[in-house]
C-alpha atoms as a PDB file:
ATOM      1  CA  MET A   1      22.871  -2.694  -9.983  1.00  0.00           C
ATOM      2  CA  GLU A   2      19.144  -2.668  -9.251  1.00  0.00           C
ATOM      3  CA  TYR A   3      17.868   0.034  -6.877  1.00  0.00           C
ATOM      4  CA  ASN A   4      14.374  -0.311  -5.445  1.00  0.00           C
ATOM      5  CA  SER A   5      12.267   1.985  -3.297  1.00  0.00           C
ATOM      6  CA  ALA A   6       9.046   1.809  -1.317  1.00  0.00           C
ATOM      7  CA  ILE A   7       6.394   4.448  -0.798  1.00  0.00           C
ATOM      8  CA  VAL A   8       4.448   3.844   2.412  1.00  0.00           C
ATOM      9  CA  LEU A   9       1.204   5.797   2.680  1.00  0.00           C
ATOM     10  CA  ALA A  10       0.186   6.978   6.134  1.00  0.00           C
ATOM     11  CA  ALA A  11      -1.938  10.045   5.449  1.00  0.00           C
ATOM     12  CA  GLY A  12      -5.451   8.614   5.776  1.00  0.00           C
ATOM     13  CA  ARG A  13      -7.950   9.331   8.542  1.00  0.00           C
ATOM     14  CA  GLY A  14      -9.820   6.014   8.776  1.00  0.00           C
ATOM     15  CA  LYS A  15     -13.338   7.187   9.690  1.00  0.00           C
ATOM     16  CA  ARG A  16     -14.694   3.620   9.848  1.00  0.00           C
ATOM     17  CA  MET A  17     -12.250   2.863  12.644  1.00  0.00           C
ATOM     18  CA  GLN A  18     -14.443   4.844  15.075  1.00  0.00           C
ATOM     19  CA  SER A  19     -11.344   6.366  16.662  1.00  0.00           C
ATOM     20  CA  SER A  20      -9.997   9.876  17.060  1.00  0.00           C
ATOM     21  CA  ILE A  21      -6.548   8.464  16.276  1.00  0.00           C
ATOM     22  CA  PRO A  22      -5.805   7.789  12.583  1.00  0.00           C
ATOM     23  CA  LYS A  23      -5.822   4.021  12.044  1.00  0.00           C
ATOM     24  CA  GLN A  24      -2.186   3.902  10.899  1.00  0.00           C
ATOM     25  CA  TYR A  25      -1.094   5.177  14.330  1.00  0.00           C
ATOM     26  CA  LEU A  26      -3.247   2.915  16.485  1.00  0.00           C
ATOM     27  CA  SER A  27      -1.333   0.522  18.712  1.00  0.00           C
ATOM     28  CA  LEU A  28      -0.911  -3.000  17.359  1.00  0.00           C
ATOM     29  CA  CYS A  29       1.024  -5.266  19.715  1.00  0.00           C
ATOM     30  CA  GLY A  30       2.598  -2.193  21.279  1.00  0.00           C
ATOM     31  CA  ARG A  31       3.634  -0.426  18.076  1.00  0.00           C
ATOM     32  CA  PRO A  32       1.825   1.923  15.686  1.00  0.00           C
ATOM     33  CA  VAL A  33       0.249   0.017  12.796  1.00  0.00           C
ATOM     34  CA  ALA A  34       2.404   1.883  10.269  1.00  0.00           C
ATOM     35  CA  ALA A  35       5.584   0.846  12.095  1.00  0.00           C
ATOM     36  CA  TRP A  36       4.916  -2.783  11.172  1.00  0.00           C
ATOM     37  CA  SER A  37       4.579  -1.874   7.479  1.00  0.00           C
ATOM     38  CA  LEU A  38       7.792   0.150   7.566  1.00  0.00           C
ATOM     39  CA  GLU A  39       9.694  -2.590   9.385  1.00  0.00           C
ATOM     40  CA  ALA A  40       8.747  -5.120   6.703  1.00  0.00           C
ATOM     41  CA  PHE A  41      10.548  -3.003   4.093  1.00  0.00           C
ATOM     42  CA  GLU A  42      13.373  -2.220   6.516  1.00  0.00           C
ATOM     43  CA  HIS A  43      14.150  -5.941   6.698  1.00  0.00           C
ATOM     44  CA  PHE A  44      13.561  -6.679   2.985  1.00  0.00           C
ATOM     45  CA  ASP A  45      17.030  -6.450   1.452  1.00  0.00           C
ATOM     46  CA  PRO A  46      16.022  -5.697  -2.187  1.00  0.00           C
ATOM     47  CA  VAL A  47      14.460  -2.383  -1.058  1.00  0.00           C
ATOM     48  CA  SER A  48      17.070   0.279  -0.276  1.00  0.00           C
ATOM     49  CA  ASN A  49      14.961   3.388   0.221  1.00  0.00           C
ATOM     50  CA  ILE A  50      11.619   4.280   1.819  1.00  0.00           C
ATOM     51  CA  ILE A  51       9.514   7.398   1.323  1.00  0.00           C
ATOM     52  CA  LEU A  52       6.932   7.843   4.080  1.00  0.00           C
ATOM     53  CA  VAL A  53       3.924   9.933   3.078  1.00  0.00           C
ATOM     54  CA  THR A  54       1.824  11.381   5.880  1.00  0.00           C
ATOM     55  CA  SER A  55      -0.314  14.408   6.694  1.00  0.00           C
ATOM     56  CA  ALA A  56       1.526  17.720   6.932  1.00  0.00           C
ATOM     57  CA  GLY A  57       0.870  18.038  10.657  1.00  0.00           C
ATOM     58  CA  GLU A  58       2.113  14.529  11.434  1.00  0.00           C
ATOM     59  CA  ILE A  59       5.598  14.654   9.895  1.00  0.00           C
ATOM     60  CA  ASP A  60       7.341  15.356  13.202  1.00  0.00           C
ATOM     61  CA  TYR A  61       5.361  12.652  14.970  1.00  0.00           C
ATOM     62  CA  CYS A  62       6.290  10.078  12.339  1.00  0.00           C
ATOM     63  CA  ARG A  63       9.947  11.079  12.465  1.00  0.00           C
ATOM     64  CA  GLU A  64      10.248  10.928  16.253  1.00  0.00           C
ATOM     65  CA  GLU A  65       7.706   8.311  17.331  1.00  0.00           C
ATOM     66  CA  ILE A  66       8.023   5.828  14.461  1.00  0.00           C
ATOM     67  CA  VAL A  67      11.115   6.250  12.292  1.00  0.00           C
ATOM     68  CA  LYS A  68      13.611   7.105  15.044  1.00  0.00           C
ATOM     69  CA  LYS A  69      11.960   5.138  17.828  1.00  0.00           C
ATOM     70  CA  TYR A  70      11.904   1.887  15.880  1.00  0.00           C
ATOM     71  CA  GLY A  71      15.129   2.390  13.952  1.00  0.00           C
ATOM     72  CA  ILE A  72      13.708   2.531  10.431  1.00  0.00           C
ATOM     73  CA  SER A  73      16.988   3.554   8.802  1.00  0.00           C
ATOM     74  CA  LYS A  74      15.849   3.229   5.194  1.00  0.00           C
ATOM     75  CA  VAL A  75      13.403   6.156   5.431  1.00  0.00           C
ATOM     76  CA  SER A  76      15.134   8.879   3.448  1.00  0.00           C
ATOM     77  CA  ARG A  77      12.262  11.369   3.412  1.00  0.00           C
ATOM     78  CA  ILE A  78       8.949  12.006   5.138  1.00  0.00           C
ATOM     79  CA  VAL A  79       6.701  14.091   2.902  1.00  0.00           C
ATOM     80  CA  ALA A  80       3.232  15.571   3.172  1.00  0.00           C
ATOM     81  CA  GLY A  81       0.552  13.871   1.128  1.00  0.00           C
ATOM     82  CA  GLY A  82      -2.655  15.114  -0.408  1.00  0.00           C
ATOM     83  CA  ALA A  83      -6.352  15.064   0.393  1.00  0.00           C
ATOM     84  CA  GLU A  84      -6.862  11.847  -1.573  1.00  0.00           C
ATOM     85  CA  ARG A  85      -4.813   8.666  -1.814  1.00  0.00           C
ATOM     86  CA  TYR A  86      -3.796   9.211  -5.436  1.00  0.00           C
ATOM     87  CA  LEU A  87      -2.469  12.676  -4.550  1.00  0.00           C
ATOM     88  CA  SER A  88      -0.377  11.178  -1.755  1.00  0.00           C
ATOM     89  CA  VAL A  89       1.056   8.612  -4.160  1.00  0.00           C
ATOM     90  CA  ALA A  90       1.915  11.408  -6.598  1.00  0.00           C
ATOM     91  CA  CYS A  91       3.783  13.199  -3.791  1.00  0.00           C
ATOM     92  CA  GLY A  92       5.709  10.036  -3.006  1.00  0.00           C
ATOM     93  CA  LEU A  93       6.641   9.465  -6.639  1.00  0.00           C
ATOM     94  CA  LYS A  94       7.828  13.046  -6.961  1.00  0.00           C
ATOM     95  CA  ALA A  95      10.027  12.584  -3.889  1.00  0.00           C
ATOM     96  CA  LEU A  96      11.775   9.739  -5.708  1.00  0.00           C
ATOM     97  CA  GLU A  97      12.815  11.860  -8.694  1.00  0.00           C
ATOM     98  CA  GLY A  98      16.539  11.623  -9.265  1.00  0.00           C
ATOM     99  CA  SER A  99      16.939   8.666  -6.894  1.00  0.00           C
ATOM    100  CA  GLY A 100      17.678   6.183  -9.662  1.00  0.00           C
ATOM    101  CA  THR A 101      14.828   3.927  -8.559  1.00  0.00           C
ATOM    102  CA  ASP A 102      14.203   0.960 -10.840  1.00  0.00           C
ATOM    103  CA  TYR A 103      11.121  -0.522  -9.179  1.00  0.00           C
ATOM    104  CA  VAL A 104       8.841   1.064  -6.599  1.00  0.00           C
ATOM    105  CA  PHE A 105       6.584  -0.672  -4.074  1.00  0.00           C
ATOM    106  CA  ILE A 106       3.501   1.400  -3.199  1.00  0.00           C
ATOM    107  CA  HIS A 107       2.033   0.189   0.060  1.00  0.00           C
ATOM    108  CA  ASP A 108      -0.689   1.233   2.490  1.00  0.00           C
ATOM    109  CA  GLY A 109       0.684   1.895   5.948  1.00  0.00           C
ATOM    110  CA  ALA A 110      -2.495   0.357   7.336  1.00  0.00           C
ATOM    111  CA  ARG A 111      -1.535  -3.090   5.976  1.00  0.00           C
ATOM    112  CA  PRO A 112       0.882  -4.265   8.669  1.00  0.00           C
ATOM    113  CA  LEU A 113       1.121  -7.987   7.866  1.00  0.00           C
ATOM    114  CA  ILE A 114       3.290  -8.111   4.746  1.00  0.00           C
ATOM    115  CA  ASP A 115       6.347 -10.338   4.818  1.00  0.00           C
ATOM    116  CA  ASP A 116       9.454 -11.228   2.814  1.00  0.00           C
ATOM    117  CA  ALA A 117       7.722 -14.024   0.912  1.00  0.00           C
ATOM    118  CA  LEU A 118       4.965 -11.742  -0.386  1.00  0.00           C
ATOM    119  CA  LEU A 119       7.408  -8.962  -1.236  1.00  0.00           C
ATOM    120  CA  SER A 120       9.685 -11.416  -3.058  1.00  0.00           C
ATOM    121  CA  ARG A 121       6.800 -12.713  -5.183  1.00  0.00           C
ATOM    122  CA  ALA A 122       5.834  -9.168  -6.112  1.00  0.00           C
ATOM    123  CA  LEU A 123       9.399  -8.227  -7.029  1.00  0.00           C
ATOM    124  CA  ALA A 124       9.848 -11.314  -9.226  1.00  0.00           C
ATOM    125  CA  CYS A 125       6.578 -10.470 -10.975  1.00  0.00           C
ATOM    126  CA  VAL A 126       7.397  -6.810 -11.621  1.00  0.00           C
ATOM    127  CA  ARG A 127      10.809  -7.702 -12.990  1.00  0.00           C
ATOM    128  CA  GLU A 128       9.045  -9.841 -15.580  1.00  0.00           C
ATOM    129  CA  CYS A 129       6.132  -7.630 -16.603  1.00  0.00           C
ATOM    130  CA  GLY A 130       6.760  -4.112 -15.236  1.00  0.00           C
ATOM    131  CA  ALA A 131       3.489  -3.795 -13.334  1.00  0.00           C
ATOM    132  CA  CYS A 132       1.924  -6.058 -10.744  1.00  0.00           C
ATOM    133  CA  VAL A 133      -0.322  -5.917  -7.705  1.00  0.00           C
ATOM    134  CA  ALA A 134      -0.784  -8.271  -4.803  1.00  0.00           C
ATOM    135  CA  GLY A 135      -4.207  -9.801  -4.452  1.00  0.00           C
ATOM    136  CA  MET A 136      -6.179 -12.925  -3.654  1.00  0.00           C
ATOM    137  CA  PRO A 137      -9.181 -14.677  -5.223  1.00  0.00           C
ATOM    138  CA  VAL A 138     -12.421 -13.666  -3.533  1.00  0.00           C
ATOM    139  CA  LYS A 139     -13.931 -16.243  -1.189  1.00  0.00           C
ATOM    140  CA  ASP A 140     -17.531 -15.073  -1.335  1.00  0.00           C
ATOM    141  CA  THR A 141     -20.069 -14.762  -4.101  1.00  0.00           C
ATOM    142  CA  ILE A 142     -20.211 -11.156  -5.348  1.00  0.00           C
ATOM    143  CA  LYS A 143     -23.417  -9.426  -6.409  1.00  0.00           C
ATOM    144  CA  VAL A 144     -23.739  -6.338  -8.593  1.00  0.00           C
ATOM    145  CA  VAL A 145     -26.666  -4.314  -7.242  1.00  0.00           C
ATOM    146  CA  ASP A 146     -28.796  -1.501  -8.607  1.00  0.00           C
ATOM    147  CA  GLY A 147     -29.543   1.844  -6.990  1.00  0.00           C
ATOM    148  CA  GLU A 148     -32.327   0.324  -4.893  1.00  0.00           C
ATOM    149  CA  GLY A 149     -30.222  -2.492  -3.483  1.00  0.00           C
ATOM    150  CA  TYR A 150     -31.550  -5.273  -5.702  1.00  0.00           C
ATOM    151  CA  ALA A 151     -29.217  -7.845  -7.232  1.00  0.00           C
ATOM    152  CA  LYS A 152     -28.621  -7.290 -10.958  1.00  0.00           C
ATOM    153  CA  THR A 153     -25.925  -9.769 -11.891  1.00  0.00           C
ATOM    154  CA  THR A 154     -23.614 -12.318 -10.295  1.00  0.00           C
ATOM    155  CA  PRO A 155     -20.077 -12.224 -11.765  1.00  0.00           C
ATOM    156  CA  ASP A 156     -18.154 -15.456 -12.156  1.00  0.00           C
ATOM    157  CA  ARG A 157     -16.214 -15.721  -8.905  1.00  0.00           C
ATOM    158  CA  ARG A 158     -13.328 -17.436 -10.705  1.00  0.00           C
ATOM    159  CA  THR A 159     -12.517 -14.138 -12.441  1.00  0.00           C
ATOM    160  CA  LEU A 160     -12.608 -11.957  -9.307  1.00  0.00           C
ATOM    161  CA  TRP A 161      -9.690 -11.023  -7.067  1.00  0.00           C
ATOM    162  CA  GLN A 162      -9.591  -8.667  -4.092  1.00  0.00           C
ATOM    163  CA  VAL A 163      -6.744  -6.233  -4.645  1.00  0.00           C
ATOM    164  CA  GLN A 164      -4.187  -5.540  -1.933  1.00  0.00           C
ATOM    165  CA  THR A 165      -0.933  -3.678  -1.622  1.00  0.00           C
ATOM    166  CA  PRO A 166       1.937  -3.545  -2.274  1.00  0.00           C
ATOM    167  CA  GLN A 167       1.393  -2.554  -5.881  1.00  0.00           C
ATOM    168  CA  VAL A 168       4.743  -2.643  -7.626  1.00  0.00           C
ATOM    169  CA  PHE A 169       5.828  -0.951 -10.844  1.00  0.00           C
ATOM    170  CA  ARG A 170       8.778   0.025 -12.910  1.00  0.00           C
ATOM    171  CA  TYR A 171       9.306   3.524 -11.558  1.00  0.00           C
ATOM    172  CA  SER A 172       9.498   5.242 -14.935  1.00  0.00           C
ATOM    173  CA  LEU A 173       6.194   3.621 -15.947  1.00  0.00           C
ATOM    174  CA  VAL A 174       4.154   4.593 -12.898  1.00  0.00           C
ATOM    175  CA  ARG A 175       5.717   8.067 -12.768  1.00  0.00           C
ATOM    176  CA  GLU A 176       4.666   8.666 -16.372  1.00  0.00           C
ATOM    177  CA  ALA A 177       1.177   7.300 -15.702  1.00  0.00           C
ATOM    178  CA  TYR A 178       0.664   9.577 -12.714  1.00  0.00           C
ATOM    179  CA  GLY A 179       2.027  12.521 -14.663  1.00  0.00           C
ATOM    180  CA  ARG A 180      -0.610  11.998 -17.335  1.00  0.00           C
ATOM    181  CA  LEU A 181      -3.300  11.556 -14.689  1.00  0.00           C
ATOM    182  CA  MET A 182      -2.419  14.874 -13.060  1.00  0.00           C
ATOM    183  CA  GLU A 183      -2.300  16.665 -16.420  1.00  0.00           C
ATOM    184  CA  LYS A 184      -5.796  15.433 -17.289  1.00  0.00           C
ATOM    185  CA  GLY A 185      -7.160  16.256 -13.852  1.00  0.00           C
ATOM    186  CA  ILE A 186      -8.698  12.817 -13.413  1.00  0.00           C
ATOM    187  CA  SER A 187      -9.568  11.922  -9.826  1.00  0.00           C
ATOM    188  CA  SER A 188     -11.849   8.893 -10.190  1.00  0.00           C
ATOM    189  CA  VAL A 189      -9.149   6.292  -9.601  1.00  0.00           C
ATOM    190  CA  THR A 190      -9.190   3.766  -6.796  1.00  0.00           C
ATOM    191  CA  ASP A 191      -5.679   2.332  -6.915  1.00  0.00           C
ATOM    192  CA  ASP A 192      -2.320   2.619  -8.645  1.00  0.00           C
ATOM    193  CA  ALA A 193      -3.020  -0.278 -10.984  1.00  0.00           C
ATOM    194  CA  MET A 194      -6.026   1.608 -12.328  1.00  0.00           C
ATOM    195  CA  VAL A 195      -3.811   4.619 -13.045  1.00  0.00           C
ATOM    196  CA  VAL A 196      -1.380   2.474 -15.048  1.00  0.00           C
ATOM    197  CA  GLU A 197      -4.220   0.631 -16.801  1.00  0.00           C
ATOM    198  CA  THR A 198      -5.946   3.892 -17.761  1.00  0.00           C
ATOM    199  CA  MET A 199      -2.954   6.053 -18.656  1.00  0.00           C
ATOM    200  CA  THR A 200      -0.684   3.514 -20.413  1.00  0.00           C
ATOM    201  CA  ASP A 201      -0.987   0.421 -22.551  1.00  0.00           C
ATOM    202  CA  THR A 202       0.794  -1.753 -19.986  1.00  0.00           C
ATOM    203  CA  ARG A 203      -1.126  -4.712 -18.605  1.00  0.00           C
ATOM    204  CA  VAL A 204      -1.064  -5.229 -14.834  1.00  0.00           C
ATOM    205  CA  ARG A 205      -0.540  -8.742 -13.519  1.00  0.00           C
ATOM    206  CA  LEU A 206      -1.994 -10.036 -10.256  1.00  0.00           C
ATOM    207  CA  VAL A 207       0.429 -11.843  -7.964  1.00  0.00           C
ATOM    208  CA  GLU A 208      -0.508 -13.924  -4.938  1.00  0.00           C
ATOM    209  CA  GLY A 209      -0.733 -11.833  -1.807  1.00  0.00           C
ATOM    210  CA  SER A 210      -2.103 -13.320   1.404  1.00  0.00           C
ATOM    211  CA  TYR A 211      -5.459 -13.570   3.099  1.00  0.00           C
ATOM    212  CA  ARG A 212      -3.623 -12.340   6.196  1.00  0.00           C
ATOM    213  CA  ASN A 213      -2.586  -9.173   4.368  1.00  0.00           C
ATOM    214  CA  LEU A 214      -5.611  -7.333   5.660  1.00  0.00           C
ATOM    215  CA  LYS A 215      -6.090  -3.597   5.732  1.00  0.00           C
ATOM    216  CA  ILE A 216      -6.875  -2.093   9.125  1.00  0.00           C
ATOM    217  CA  THR A 217     -10.222  -0.452   8.440  1.00  0.00           C
ATOM    218  CA  THR A 218     -12.503  -1.441  11.336  1.00  0.00           C
ATOM    219  CA  PRO A 219     -11.901  -2.401  14.989  1.00  0.00           C
ATOM    220  CA  GLU A 220     -12.364  -6.054  14.024  1.00  0.00           C
ATOM    221  CA  ASP A 221      -9.422  -5.822  11.620  1.00  0.00           C
ATOM    222  CA  LEU A 222      -7.164  -4.628  14.426  1.00  0.00           C
ATOM    223  CA  GLU A 223      -8.208  -7.586  16.576  1.00  0.00           C
ATOM    224  CA  ALA A 224      -7.558 -10.030  13.719  1.00  0.00           C
ATOM    225  CA  ALA A 225      -4.122  -8.542  13.007  1.00  0.00           C
ATOM    226  CA  GLU A 226      -3.136  -8.991  16.643  1.00  0.00           C
ATOM    227  CA  ILE A 227      -4.180 -12.649  16.505  1.00  0.00           C
ATOM    228  CA  PHE A 228      -2.075 -13.209  13.373  1.00  0.00           C
ATOM    229  CA  LEU A 229       0.938 -11.553  14.971  1.00  0.00           C
ATOM    230  CA  LYS A 230       0.584 -13.720  18.072  1.00  0.00           C
ATOM    231  CA  LYS A 231       0.466 -16.820  15.870  1.00  0.00           C
ATOM    232  CA  ASN A 232       3.747 -15.657  14.368  1.00  0.00           C
ATOM    233  CA  GLN A 233       5.113 -15.677  17.929  1.00  0.00           C
ATOM    234  CA  ILE A 234       5.289 -11.902  18.130  1.00  0.00           C
ATOM    235  CA  SER A 235       5.075 -10.743  21.728  1.00  0.00           C
ATOM    236  CA  CYS A 236       2.012  -8.542  22.117  1.00  0.00           C
END
């Protein structure tokens, strides 16, 4: 029987949010942003287990004010992350050792608008190819610029996607990829797909995410997320 887990990352600081409160703990329709991400996995039946990764000093807060308060029963462990995102992911993957996990969803706690449909598409994709990430085609023209801010080239927009989370992998594959990354001491990675692409010969497929699956990075993102939740008839 298939056993799937999720790693939810809530260890960032979010400097662009212009707030003393880390963005994943800001109130969104009366709940911390990260609570919405956790609840999406709580209600997604194919995921049986959640690892929440946060800062060392915030473990008790997450346990009492998010996990217990909102009844997130699937959270089996809350672990301290690292100084960088990839280190936090490595901590989450290590926490899953011995769990028997087949596929693992790696998701940013600051992306609160995932839903069953998106998660189901990602799971179907990873079952087929072993490695997939949610994303959407870019809407705008993209320019590559030089060090002085001048446009150098204009990539074909049809080949460009903006990458989101969750990023979903066969657990044994992504665990091996991160193991190699840590052994080599490489830190110049921006997402989990890049780790798998760089450290293994497995190709990563893009699966349709959602333009609503925004990451809370600036105050405007928080306002937009609240609007989307209200449209979904969530009481804010």
